[in-house]
Amino acid sequence: MIVADDGSTDNTKAVVQEARGKYKYSLQYFAQKNQGPGAARNLGMEKANGDFFIFVDSDVTVPPEWLANIDLALHREQADAFGGPDTYRKDFPPLLKAINYSMTSFITTGGLRGKKGKKIAKYYPRSFNMGLSRAVWQQIGGFSSLRHGQDIEYSHRILKSGAKVVFVSDAPVFHKRRTNLRRFFRQVFNWGIARINLYKIDNQMLELVHALPALATLFVFLVLLLAIIWPATRILFWLTLGFGLLLILFSMLDSIVKYKEIKPALYLPIVIPAQIFGYGLGFIYNYIRRVIFKKGAKIGFYRNYYK
């Protein structure tokens, strides 16, 4: 195992040194100045000597059978790369379960995060649970310098290389996402910005479904504006509000069935709009900036990537 330290200040090196000797496998530590997760993953691949690279994000944990299931699927399918799902642990607090629901539900994502079944756009493995062979890495190189969306861009290059990519449904990771609504909103806003940056790299990375949150945001704004300045259109406002409430109510009921508890559902009236409008606003902002006004890349909320 390789730990690639991207300029952390949380005593990572000491933690790794203390952990050495506790495991049967080698535990190596390499450090660099903070350059973002893509550069850290590249450092790890450059230092590794194995034939297959597997990535997880810093906010996930994995079940005991995770690696065994990946190994079985890769050999069974003779695959060059894989992606896997993310899910929740039962001990996650209600807000994180609500965020997990919003980020994995077909209603809010269109199945884009890799669940089996219906999808309305191409599936790209994500860095929270993905891997590729050394041969593919030697062919396409490492992650780009994108601050956000570098895993989607990398998966796009993997797919374009002709590599066989499989989705390993029985190798989930437990994804403990941003711990409050402010951080969650910032994250999805940055994803909206990233989608336009990806489009500017290769327009194949933008499909209609990716623009739906932005279209919904514009539609709601227009309906509100019309309701204020033209009272005759207020029926449209009430219809829009009713549709949104029904969507959230259905999601709440589905969440109760999924989690067997009520508390996560109570957060969904805030979490779902935060996800849709946060992503939509980031998308609209960067579309205006990069596509209409032809400005350079916008990275979103920069600061420290991990805050």
C-alpha atoms as a PDB file:
ATOM      1  CA  MET A   1       0.000   0.000   0.000  1.00  0.00           C
ATOM      2  CA  ILE A   2       1.207   3.484  -0.893  1.00  0.00           C
ATOM      3  CA  VAL A   3       0.193   6.607   1.002  1.00  0.00           C
ATOM      4  CA  ALA A   4       0.722   9.689  -1.182  1.00  0.00           C
ATOM      5  CA  ASP A   5       0.664  12.699   1.154  1.00  0.00           C
ATOM      6  CA  ASP A   6      -0.475  15.807  -0.733  1.00  0.00           C
ATOM      7  CA  GLY A   7       0.881  18.414   1.658  1.00  0.00           C
ATOM      8  CA  SER A   8      -1.239  17.427   4.649  1.00  0.00           C
ATOM      9  CA  THR A   9      -0.763  19.024   8.067  1.00  0.00           C
ATOM     10  CA  ASP A  10      -2.446  16.327  10.158  1.00  0.00           C
ATOM     11  CA  ASN A  11       0.639  14.308  11.166  1.00  0.00           C
ATOM     12  CA  THR A  12       0.064  11.741   8.411  1.00  0.00           C
ATOM     13  CA  LYS A  13       3.713  10.676   8.302  1.00  0.00           C
ATOM     14  CA  ALA A  14       3.742   9.779  12.000  1.00  0.00           C
ATOM     15  CA  VAL A  15       0.499   7.825  11.639  1.00  0.00           C
ATOM     16  CA  VAL A  16       1.971   5.807   8.752  1.00  0.00           C
ATOM     17  CA  GLN A  17       5.195   5.123  10.649  1.00  0.00           C
ATOM     18  CA  GLU A  18       3.211   3.908  13.646  1.00  0.00           C
ATOM     19  CA  ALA A  19       1.114   1.630  11.414  1.00  0.00           C
ATOM     20  CA  ARG A  20       4.130  -0.055   9.816  1.00  0.00           C
ATOM     21  CA  GLY A  21       4.603  -3.564  11.087  1.00  0.00           C
ATOM     22  CA  LYS A  22       0.943  -4.019  11.929  1.00  0.00           C
ATOM     23  CA  TYR A  23       0.080  -5.365   8.481  1.00  0.00           C
ATOM     24  CA  LYS A  24       1.304  -8.240   6.333  1.00  0.00           C
ATOM     25  CA  TYR A  25       1.817  -5.995   3.319  1.00  0.00           C
ATOM     26  CA  SER A  26       4.349  -3.210   2.758  1.00  0.00           C
ATOM     27  CA  LEU A  27       3.222   0.292   3.723  1.00  0.00           C
ATOM     28  CA  GLN A  28       5.085   3.068   1.896  1.00  0.00           C
ATOM     29  CA  TYR A  29       4.861   6.822   2.438  1.00  0.00           C
ATOM     30  CA  PHE A  30       5.642   9.591  -0.074  1.00  0.00           C
ATOM     31  CA  ALA A  31       5.006  13.309   0.373  1.00  0.00           C
ATOM     32  CA  GLN A  32       4.701  16.330  -1.906  1.00  0.00           C
ATOM     33  CA  LYS A  33       3.557  19.940  -1.637  1.00  0.00           C
ATOM     34  CA  ASN A  34      -0.218  20.375  -1.929  1.00  0.00           C
ATOM     35  CA  GLN A  35      -1.090  20.050  -5.634  1.00  0.00           C
ATOM     36  CA  GLY A  36      -4.477  18.361  -5.490  1.00  0.00           C
ATOM     37  CA  PRO A  37      -5.622  14.737  -5.525  1.00  0.00           C
ATOM     38  CA  GLY A  38      -4.764  14.110  -9.190  1.00  0.00           C
ATOM     39  CA  ALA A  39      -1.091  14.911  -8.639  1.00  0.00           C
ATOM     40  CA  ALA A  40      -1.042  12.794  -5.469  1.00  0.00           C
ATOM     41  CA  ARG A  41      -2.457   9.800  -7.332  1.00  0.00           C
ATOM     42  CA  ASN A  42       0.139  10.282 -10.068  1.00  0.00           C
ATOM     43  CA  LEU A  43       2.874  10.234  -7.421  1.00  0.00           C
ATOM     44  CA  GLY A  44       1.481   6.978  -6.082  1.00  0.00           C
ATOM     45  CA  MET A  45       1.411   5.345  -9.519  1.00  0.00           C
ATOM     46  CA  GLU A  46       4.958   6.471 -10.282  1.00  0.00           C
ATOM     47  CA  LYS A  47       6.223   4.905  -7.048  1.00  0.00           C
ATOM     48  CA  ALA A  48       4.173   1.699  -7.310  1.00  0.00           C
ATOM     49  CA  ASN A  49       5.556  -1.529  -8.779  1.00  0.00           C
ATOM     50  CA  GLY A  50       2.335  -3.522  -9.142  1.00  0.00           C
ATOM     51  CA  ASP A  51       0.399  -4.366 -12.292  1.00  0.00           C
ATOM     52  CA  PHE A  52      -2.885  -2.789 -11.207  1.00  0.00           C
ATOM     53  CA  PHE A  53      -3.679   0.502  -9.485  1.00  0.00           C
ATOM     54  CA  ILE A  54      -6.736   0.948  -7.254  1.00  0.00           C
ATOM     55  CA  PHE A  55      -7.927   4.284  -5.895  1.00  0.00           C
ATOM     56  CA  VAL A  56     -10.188   5.345  -3.066  1.00  0.00           C
ATOM     57  CA  ASP A  57     -10.906   8.827  -1.743  1.00  0.00           C
ATOM     58  CA  SER A  58      -9.851  10.011   1.694  1.00  0.00           C
ATOM     59  CA  ASP A  59     -13.461  10.015   2.934  1.00  0.00           C
ATOM     60  CA  VAL A  60     -14.235   6.330   2.312  1.00  0.00           C
ATOM     61  CA  THR A  61     -13.801   3.055   4.167  1.00  0.00           C
ATOM     62  CA  VAL A  62     -14.181  -0.399   2.640  1.00  0.00           C
ATOM     63  CA  PRO A  63     -15.746  -3.706   3.742  1.00  0.00           C
ATOM     64  CA  PRO A  64     -13.471  -6.746   4.343  1.00  0.00           C
ATOM     65  CA  GLU A  65     -14.434  -8.485   1.067  1.00  0.00           C
ATOM     66  CA  TRP A  66     -13.890  -5.391  -1.106  1.00  0.00           C
ATOM     67  CA  LEU A  67     -10.511  -6.303  -2.660  1.00  0.00           C
ATOM     68  CA  ALA A  68     -11.428  -9.964  -3.104  1.00  0.00           C
ATOM     69  CA  ASN A  69     -14.573  -9.043  -5.036  1.00  0.00           C
ATOM     70  CA  ILE A  70     -12.637  -6.653  -7.262  1.00  0.00           C
ATOM     71  CA  ASP A  71      -9.993  -9.297  -7.971  1.00  0.00           C
ATOM     72  CA  LEU A  72     -12.666 -11.878  -8.810  1.00  0.00           C
ATOM     73  CA  ALA A  73     -14.488  -9.521 -11.193  1.00  0.00           C
ATOM     74  CA  LEU A  74     -11.313  -8.401 -12.968  1.00  0.00           C
ATOM     75  CA  HIS A  75     -10.219 -11.982 -13.640  1.00  0.00           C
ATOM     76  CA  ARG A  76     -13.718 -13.164 -14.566  1.00  0.00           C
ATOM     77  CA  GLU A  77     -14.276 -10.313 -17.034  1.00  0.00           C
ATOM     78  CA  GLN A  78     -10.641  -9.999 -18.150  1.00  0.00           C
ATOM     79  CA  ALA A  79     -11.061  -6.264 -17.567  1.00  0.00           C
ATOM     80  CA  ASP A  80      -8.500  -3.478 -17.871  1.00  0.00           C
ATOM     81  CA  ALA A  81     -10.230  -1.069 -15.488  1.00  0.00           C
ATOM     82  CA  PHE A  82     -13.158  -0.945 -13.103  1.00  0.00           C
ATOM     83  CA  GLY A  83     -15.461   1.310 -11.165  1.00  0.00           C
ATOM     84  CA  GLY A  84     -17.512   0.460  -8.118  1.00  0.00           C
ATOM     85  CA  PRO A  85     -20.461   1.915  -6.204  1.00  0.00           C
ATOM     86  CA  ASP A  86     -20.485   4.023  -3.073  1.00  0.00           C
ATOM     87  CA  THR A  87     -22.920   3.558  -0.236  1.00  0.00           C
ATOM     88  CA  TYR A  88     -23.394   4.239   3.472  1.00  0.00           C
ATOM     89  CA  ARG A  89     -22.633   2.547   6.773  1.00  0.00           C
ATOM     90  CA  LYS A  90     -25.440   2.010   9.226  1.00  0.00           C
ATOM     91  CA  ASP A  91     -23.657   4.159  11.812  1.00  0.00           C
ATOM     92  CA  PHE A  92     -23.616   7.250   9.559  1.00  0.00           C
ATOM     93  CA  PRO A  93     -25.542  10.184  11.089  1.00  0.00           C
ATOM     94  CA  PRO A  94     -28.907  11.143   9.502  1.00  0.00           C
ATOM     95  CA  LEU A  95     -27.523  14.078   7.474  1.00  0.00           C
ATOM     96  CA  LEU A  96     -24.884  11.911   5.802  1.00  0.00           C
ATOM     97  CA  LYS A  97     -27.484   9.273   5.005  1.00  0.00           C
ATOM     98  CA  ALA A  98     -29.638  11.992   3.434  1.00  0.00           C
ATOM     99  CA  ILE A  99     -26.667  13.194   1.367  1.00  0.00           C
ATOM    100  CA  ASN A 100     -25.904   9.597   0.376  1.00  0.00           C
ATOM    101  CA  TYR A 101     -29.506   9.142  -0.753  1.00  0.00           C
ATOM    102  CA  SER A 102     -29.481  12.351  -2.784  1.00  0.00           C
ATOM    103  CA  MET A 103     -26.132  11.472  -4.386  1.00  0.00           C
ATOM    104  CA  THR A 104     -27.093   7.913  -5.359  1.00  0.00           C
ATOM    105  CA  SER A 105     -30.830   8.041  -6.092  1.00  0.00           C
ATOM    106  CA  PHE A 106     -31.957   7.689  -9.713  1.00  0.00           C
ATOM    107  CA  ILE A 107     -34.358  10.591  -9.126  1.00  0.00           C
ATOM    108  CA  THR A 108     -31.539  13.042  -8.418  1.00  0.00           C
ATOM    109  CA  THR A 109     -28.621  11.602 -10.433  1.00  0.00           C
ATOM    110  CA  GLY A 110     -30.185   9.654 -13.287  1.00  0.00           C
ATOM    111  CA  GLY A 111     -28.122   6.602 -12.320  1.00  0.00           C
ATOM    112  CA  LEU A 112     -24.875   8.321 -13.312  1.00  0.00           C
ATOM    113  CA  ARG A 113     -22.923   7.003 -10.346  1.00  0.00           C
ATOM    114  CA  GLY A 114     -22.945   3.441 -11.585  1.00  0.00           C
ATOM    115  CA  LYS A 115     -25.819   1.550 -10.052  1.00  0.00           C
ATOM    116  CA  LYS A 116     -27.021  -1.373 -12.106  1.00  0.00           C
ATOM    117  CA  GLY A 117     -30.185  -0.736 -14.037  1.00  0.00           C
ATOM    118  CA  LYS A 118     -31.351   2.315 -15.902  1.00  0.00           C
ATOM    119  CA  LYS A 119     -28.928   5.100 -16.724  1.00  0.00           C
ATOM    120  CA  ILE A 120     -29.565   8.182 -18.819  1.00  0.00           C
ATOM    121  CA  ALA A 121     -25.918   8.988 -19.626  1.00  0.00           C
ATOM    122  CA  LYS A 122     -22.529   7.292 -19.936  1.00  0.00           C
ATOM    123  CA  TYR A 123     -21.054   5.827 -16.751  1.00  0.00           C
ATOM    124  CA  TYR A 124     -17.601   7.016 -15.696  1.00  0.00           C
ATOM    125  CA  PRO A 125     -15.724   5.336 -12.821  1.00  0.00           C
ATOM    126  CA  ARG A 126     -15.038   7.815 -10.011  1.00  0.00           C
ATOM    127  CA  SER A 127     -11.951   8.134  -7.860  1.00  0.00           C
ATOM    128  CA  PHE A 128     -13.758   7.078  -4.683  1.00  0.00           C
ATOM    129  CA  ASN A 129     -13.743   3.505  -6.072  1.00  0.00           C
ATOM    130  CA  MET A 130     -11.887   2.816  -9.315  1.00  0.00           C
ATOM    131  CA  GLY A 131      -8.799   1.195 -10.755  1.00  0.00           C
ATOM    132  CA  LEU A 132      -6.843   0.528 -13.943  1.00  0.00           C
ATOM    133  CA  SER A 133      -4.033  -1.707 -15.142  1.00  0.00           C
ATOM    134  CA  ARG A 134      -0.444  -0.582 -15.444  1.00  0.00           C
ATOM    135  CA  ALA A 135      -0.688  -1.214 -19.202  1.00  0.00           C
ATOM    136  CA  VAL A 136      -3.543   1.292 -19.546  1.00  0.00           C
ATOM    137  CA  TRP A 137      -1.673   3.812 -17.374  1.00  0.00           C
ATOM    138  CA  GLN A 138       1.405   3.472 -19.586  1.00  0.00           C
ATOM    139  CA  GLN A 139      -0.813   4.105 -22.607  1.00  0.00           C
ATOM    140  CA  ILE A 140      -2.765   7.163 -21.391  1.00  0.00           C
ATOM    141  CA  GLY A 141      -0.582   8.647 -18.641  1.00  0.00           C
ATOM    142  CA  GLY A 142      -1.746   9.970 -15.301  1.00  0.00           C
ATOM    143  CA  PHE A 143      -4.456  12.247 -13.965  1.00  0.00           C
ATOM    144  CA  SER A 144      -4.718  15.792 -15.288  1.00  0.00           C
ATOM    145  CA  SER A 145      -4.162  18.967 -13.265  1.00  0.00           C
ATOM    146  CA  LEU A 146      -7.895  19.714 -13.034  1.00  0.00           C
ATOM    147  CA  ARG A 147      -8.776  20.675  -9.479  1.00  0.00           C
ATOM    148  CA  HIS A 148     -12.272  19.199  -9.747  1.00  0.00           C
ATOM    149  CA  GLY A 149     -13.502  16.515 -12.136  1.00  0.00           C
ATOM    150  CA  GLN A 150     -10.076  15.027 -12.810  1.00  0.00           C
ATOM    151  CA  ASP A 151     -11.412  11.512 -12.189  1.00  0.00           C
ATOM    152  CA  ILE A 152     -14.130  11.918 -14.840  1.00  0.00           C
ATOM    153  CA  GLU A 153     -11.580  13.254 -17.334  1.00  0.00           C
ATOM    154  CA  TYR A 154      -9.293  10.321 -16.530  1.00  0.00           C
ATOM    155  CA  SER A 155     -12.101   7.785 -16.922  1.00  0.00           C
ATOM    156  CA  HIS A 156     -12.965   9.416 -20.244  1.00  0.00           C
ATOM    157  CA  ARG A 157      -9.417   8.796 -21.469  1.00  0.00           C
ATOM    158  CA  ILE A 158      -9.548   5.216 -20.175  1.00  0.00           C
ATOM    159  CA  LEU A 159     -12.748   4.580 -22.142  1.00  0.00           C
ATOM    160  CA  LYS A 160     -11.391   6.284 -25.285  1.00  0.00           C
ATOM    161  CA  SER A 161      -8.267   4.093 -25.142  1.00  0.00           C
ATOM    162  CA  GLY A 162     -10.422   1.045 -25.867  1.00  0.00           C
ATOM    163  CA  ALA A 163      -9.821  -0.500 -22.453  1.00  0.00           C
ATOM    164  CA  LYS A 164     -12.448  -2.904 -21.143  1.00  0.00           C
ATOM    165  CA  VAL A 165     -14.100  -1.212 -18.163  1.00  0.00           C
ATOM    166  CA  VAL A 166     -16.437  -3.099 -15.816  1.00  0.00           C
ATOM    167  CA  PHE A 167     -18.703  -1.992 -12.995  1.00  0.00           C
ATOM    168  CA  VAL A 168     -18.155  -4.166  -9.905  1.00  0.00           C
ATOM    169  CA  SER A 169     -21.482  -3.896  -8.120  1.00  0.00           C
ATOM    170  CA  ASP A 170     -20.499  -6.120  -5.185  1.00  0.00           C
ATOM    171  CA  ALA A 171     -17.429  -4.030  -4.259  1.00  0.00           C
ATOM    172  CA  PRO A 172     -18.948  -0.917  -2.662  1.00  0.00           C
ATOM    173  CA  VAL A 173     -17.147   1.623  -0.508  1.00  0.00           C
ATOM    174  CA  PHE A 174     -18.678   3.464   2.435  1.00  0.00           C
ATOM    175  CA  HIS A 175     -18.589   7.121   1.442  1.00  0.00           C
ATOM    176  CA  LYS A 176     -18.650   9.576   4.335  1.00  0.00           C
ATOM    177  CA  ARG A 177     -19.235  12.773   2.391  1.00  0.00           C
ATOM    178  CA  ARG A 178     -19.010  16.421   3.467  1.00  0.00           C
ATOM    179  CA  THR A 179     -20.164  16.703   7.040  1.00  0.00           C
ATOM    180  CA  ASN A 180     -22.379  19.797   6.801  1.00  0.00           C
ATOM    181  CA  LEU A 181     -24.656  21.477   4.292  1.00  0.00           C
ATOM    182  CA  ARG A 182     -22.275  24.368   3.597  1.00  0.00           C
ATOM    183  CA  ARG A 183     -19.486  22.013   2.537  1.00  0.00           C
ATOM    184  CA  PHE A 184     -21.923  19.880   0.567  1.00  0.00           C
ATOM    185  CA  PHE A 185     -23.218  22.929  -1.321  1.00  0.00           C
ATOM    186  CA  ARG A 186     -19.647  24.046  -2.057  1.00  0.00           C
ATOM    187  CA  GLN A 187     -18.816  20.575  -3.351  1.00  0.00           C
ATOM    188  CA  VAL A 188     -21.747  20.340  -5.767  1.00  0.00           C
ATOM    189  CA  PHE A 189     -21.195  23.951  -6.894  1.00  0.00           C
ATOM    190  CA  ASN A 190     -17.644  22.971  -7.827  1.00  0.00           C
ATOM    191  CA  TRP A 191     -18.968  19.935  -9.703  1.00  0.00           C
ATOM    192  CA  GLY A 192     -21.162  22.230 -11.783  1.00  0.00           C
ATOM    193  CA  ILE A 193     -18.121  24.351 -12.586  1.00  0.00           C
ATOM    194  CA  ALA A 194     -16.089  21.224 -13.362  1.00  0.00           C
ATOM    195  CA  ARG A 195     -18.627  19.942 -15.897  1.00  0.00           C
ATOM    196  CA  ILE A 196     -18.075  22.995 -18.106  1.00  0.00           C
ATOM    197  CA  ASN A 197     -14.301  22.633 -17.753  1.00  0.00           C
ATOM    198  CA  LEU A 198     -14.662  19.018 -18.882  1.00  0.00           C
ATOM    199  CA  TYR A 199     -16.800  20.130 -21.829  1.00  0.00           C
ATOM    200  CA  LYS A 200     -14.057  22.557 -22.893  1.00  0.00           C
ATOM    201  CA  ILE A 201     -11.563  19.682 -22.895  1.00  0.00           C
ATOM    202  CA  ASP A 202     -13.817  17.313 -24.874  1.00  0.00           C
ATOM    203  CA  ASN A 203     -17.468  18.030 -25.664  1.00  0.00           C
ATOM    204  CA  GLN A 204     -18.251  14.300 -25.370  1.00  0.00           C
ATOM    205  CA  MET A 205     -18.072  14.759 -21.596  1.00  0.00           C
ATOM    206  CA  LEU A 206     -21.206  16.930 -21.628  1.00  0.00           C
ATOM    207  CA  GLU A 207     -24.559  15.227 -22.169  1.00  0.00           C
ATOM    208  CA  LEU A 208     -28.067  16.629 -21.830  1.00  0.00           C
ATOM    209  CA  VAL A 209     -28.553  15.066 -18.404  1.00  0.00           C
ATOM    210  CA  HIS A 210     -25.573  17.034 -17.073  1.00  0.00           C
ATOM    211  CA  ALA A 211     -27.367  20.282 -17.927  1.00  0.00           C
ATOM    212  CA  LEU A 212     -30.685  19.329 -16.294  1.00  0.00           C
ATOM    213  CA  PRO A 213     -29.900  20.874 -12.868  1.00  0.00           C
ATOM    214  CA  ALA A 214     -28.936  24.136 -14.585  1.00  0.00           C
ATOM    215  CA  LEU A 215     -32.110  24.076 -16.687  1.00  0.00           C
ATOM    216  CA  ALA A 216     -34.166  23.389 -13.554  1.00  0.00           C
ATOM    217  CA  THR A 217     -32.456  26.281 -11.761  1.00  0.00           C
ATOM    218  CA  LEU A 218     -33.147  28.665 -14.642  1.00  0.00           C
ATOM    219  CA  PHE A 219     -36.751  27.478 -14.913  1.00  0.00           C
ATOM    220  CA  VAL A 220     -37.452  28.004 -11.202  1.00  0.00           C
ATOM    221  CA  PHE A 221     -35.868  31.468 -11.311  1.00  0.00           C
ATOM    222  CA  LEU A 222     -37.943  32.406 -14.365  1.00  0.00           C
ATOM    223  CA  VAL A 223     -41.161  31.119 -12.788  1.00  0.00           C
ATOM    224  CA  LEU A 224     -40.488  33.103  -9.602  1.00  0.00           C
ATOM    225  CA  LEU A 225     -39.713  36.245 -11.585  1.00  0.00           C
ATOM    226  CA  LEU A 226     -42.855  35.923 -13.699  1.00  0.00           C
ATOM    227  CA  ALA A 227     -44.994  35.302 -10.616  1.00  0.00           C
ATOM    228  CA  ILE A 228     -43.732  38.566  -9.127  1.00  0.00           C
ATOM    229  CA  ILE A 229     -44.114  40.810 -12.177  1.00  0.00           C
ATOM    230  CA  TRP A 230     -47.044  39.086 -13.910  1.00  0.00           C
ATOM    231  CA  PRO A 231     -49.694  37.781 -11.475  1.00  0.00           C
ATOM    232  CA  ALA A 232     -51.501  35.852 -14.221  1.00  0.00           C
ATOM    233  CA  THR A 233     -48.586  33.379 -14.303  1.00  0.00           C
ATOM    234  CA  ARG A 234     -48.795  32.479 -10.618  1.00  0.00           C
ATOM    235  CA  ILE A 235     -50.613  29.262 -11.460  1.00  0.00           C
ATOM    236  CA  LEU A 236     -47.360  28.130 -13.099  1.00  0.00           C
ATOM    237  CA  PHE A 237     -45.532  28.930  -9.868  1.00  0.00           C
ATOM    238  CA  TRP A 238     -47.937  26.811  -7.820  1.00  0.00           C
ATOM    239  CA  LEU A 239     -47.731  23.942 -10.306  1.00  0.00           C
ATOM    240  CA  THR A 240     -43.927  24.062 -10.187  1.00  0.00           C
ATOM    241  CA  LEU A 241     -43.941  24.177  -6.402  1.00  0.00           C
ATOM    242  CA  GLY A 242     -46.392  21.287  -6.240  1.00  0.00           C
ATOM    243  CA  PHE A 243     -44.289  19.160  -8.585  1.00  0.00           C
ATOM    244  CA  GLY A 244     -41.164  19.862  -6.545  1.00  0.00           C
ATOM    245  CA  LEU A 245     -42.901  19.005  -3.289  1.00  0.00           C
ATOM    246  CA  LEU A 246     -44.227  15.749  -4.746  1.00  0.00           C
ATOM    247  CA  LEU A 247     -40.730  14.824  -5.920  1.00  0.00           C
ATOM    248  CA  ILE A 248     -39.295  15.501  -2.478  1.00  0.00           C
ATOM    249  CA  LEU A 249     -42.161  13.669  -0.753  1.00  0.00           C
ATOM    250  CA  PHE A 250     -41.607  10.602  -2.931  1.00  0.00           C
ATOM    251  CA  SER A 251     -37.876  10.766  -2.169  1.00  0.00           C
ATOM    252  CA  MET A 252     -38.585  11.009   1.555  1.00  0.00           C
ATOM    253  CA  LEU A 253     -40.827   7.943   1.466  1.00  0.00           C
ATOM    254  CA  ASP A 254     -38.259   6.032  -0.595  1.00  0.00           C
ATOM    255  CA  SER A 255     -35.560   7.058   1.886  1.00  0.00           C
ATOM    256  CA  ILE A 256     -37.618   5.757   4.817  1.00  0.00           C
ATOM    257  CA  VAL A 257     -37.998   2.414   3.054  1.00  0.00           C
ATOM    258  CA  LYS A 258     -34.266   2.288   2.286  1.00  0.00           C
ATOM    259  CA  TYR A 259     -32.895   3.267   5.691  1.00  0.00           C
ATOM    260  CA  LYS A 260     -35.724   1.932   7.873  1.00  0.00           C
ATOM    261  CA  GLU A 261     -35.717   5.223   9.791  1.00  0.00           C
ATOM    262  CA  ILE A 262     -37.308   8.663   9.485  1.00  0.00           C
ATOM    263  CA  LYS A 263     -34.511  11.089  10.435  1.00  0.00           C
ATOM    264  CA  PRO A 264     -32.565  11.012   7.115  1.00  0.00           C
ATOM    265  CA  ALA A 265     -35.787  11.754   5.230  1.00  0.00           C
ATOM    266  CA  LEU A 266     -36.304  14.933   7.248  1.00  0.00           C
ATOM    267  CA  TYR A 267     -33.106  16.407   5.768  1.00  0.00           C
ATOM    268  CA  LEU A 268     -34.067  15.732   2.146  1.00  0.00           C
ATOM    269  CA  PRO A 269     -36.205  18.905   1.704  1.00  0.00           C
ATOM    270  CA  ILE A 270     -32.927  20.804   2.219  1.00  0.00           C
ATOM    271  CA  VAL A 271     -30.366  18.387   0.772  1.00  0.00           C
ATOM    272  CA  ILE A 272     -32.064  17.743  -2.592  1.00  0.00           C
ATOM    273  CA  PRO A 273     -32.567  21.450  -3.483  1.00  0.00           C
ATOM    274  CA  ALA A 274     -29.009  22.179  -2.276  1.00  0.00           C
ATOM    275  CA  GLN A 275     -27.666  19.530  -4.648  1.00  0.00           C
ATOM    276  CA  ILE A 276     -29.740  20.561  -7.666  1.00  0.00           C
ATOM    277  CA  PHE A 277     -29.412  24.331  -7.303  1.00  0.00           C
ATOM    278  CA  GLY A 278     -25.793  24.217  -6.106  1.00  0.00           C
ATOM    279  CA  TYR A 279     -24.723  22.189  -9.137  1.00  0.00           C
ATOM    280  CA  GLY A 280     -26.967  24.240 -11.418  1.00  0.00           C
ATOM    281  CA  LEU A 281     -25.549  27.572 -10.254  1.00  0.00           C
ATOM    282  CA  GLY A 282     -21.958  26.362 -10.688  1.00  0.00           C
ATOM    283  CA  PHE A 283     -22.787  25.078 -14.178  1.00  0.00           C
ATOM    284  CA  ILE A 284     -24.525  28.328 -15.205  1.00  0.00           C
ATOM    285  CA  TYR A 285     -21.767  30.511 -13.772  1.00  0.00           C
ATOM    286  CA  ASN A 286     -18.985  28.693 -15.580  1.00  0.00           C
ATOM    287  CA  TYR A 287     -20.996  28.340 -18.801  1.00  0.00           C
ATOM    288  CA  ILE A 288     -21.398  32.119 -18.926  1.00  0.00           C
ATOM    289  CA  ARG A 289     -17.760  32.649 -18.044  1.00  0.00           C
ATOM    290  CA  ARG A 290     -16.110  30.080 -20.293  1.00  0.00           C
ATOM    291  CA  VAL A 291     -18.511  29.483 -23.180  1.00  0.00           C
ATOM    292  CA  ILE A 292     -20.125  32.899 -23.623  1.00  0.00           C
ATOM    293  CA  PHE A 293     -17.290  35.203 -22.518  1.00  0.00           C
ATOM    294  CA  LYS A 294     -14.449  32.813 -23.509  1.00  0.00           C
ATOM    295  CA  LYS A 295     -12.587  33.206 -20.211  1.00  0.00           C
ATOM    296  CA  GLY A 296      -9.994  30.786 -18.896  1.00  0.00           C
ATOM    297  CA  ALA A 297     -10.680  27.816 -16.650  1.00  0.00           C
ATOM    298  CA  LYS A 298     -12.477  28.516 -13.400  1.00  0.00           C
ATOM    299  CA  ILE A 299     -11.607  26.156 -10.576  1.00  0.00           C
ATOM    300  CA  GLY A 300     -14.436  27.015  -8.190  1.00  0.00           C
ATOM    301  CA  PHE A 301     -13.918  27.432  -4.444  1.00  0.00           C
ATOM    302  CA  TYR A 302     -10.137  26.985  -4.327  1.00  0.00           C
ATOM    303  CA  ARG A 303      -8.620  27.496  -0.876  1.00  0.00           C
ATOM    304  CA  ASN A 304      -7.463  24.098   0.309  1.00  0.00           C
ATOM    305  CA  TYR A 305      -8.993  21.323  -1.761  1.00  0.00           C
ATOM    306  CA  TYR A 306      -9.918  19.267   1.264  1.00  0.00           C
ATOM    307  CA  LYS A 307     -11.675  21.969   3.327  1.00  0.00           C
END
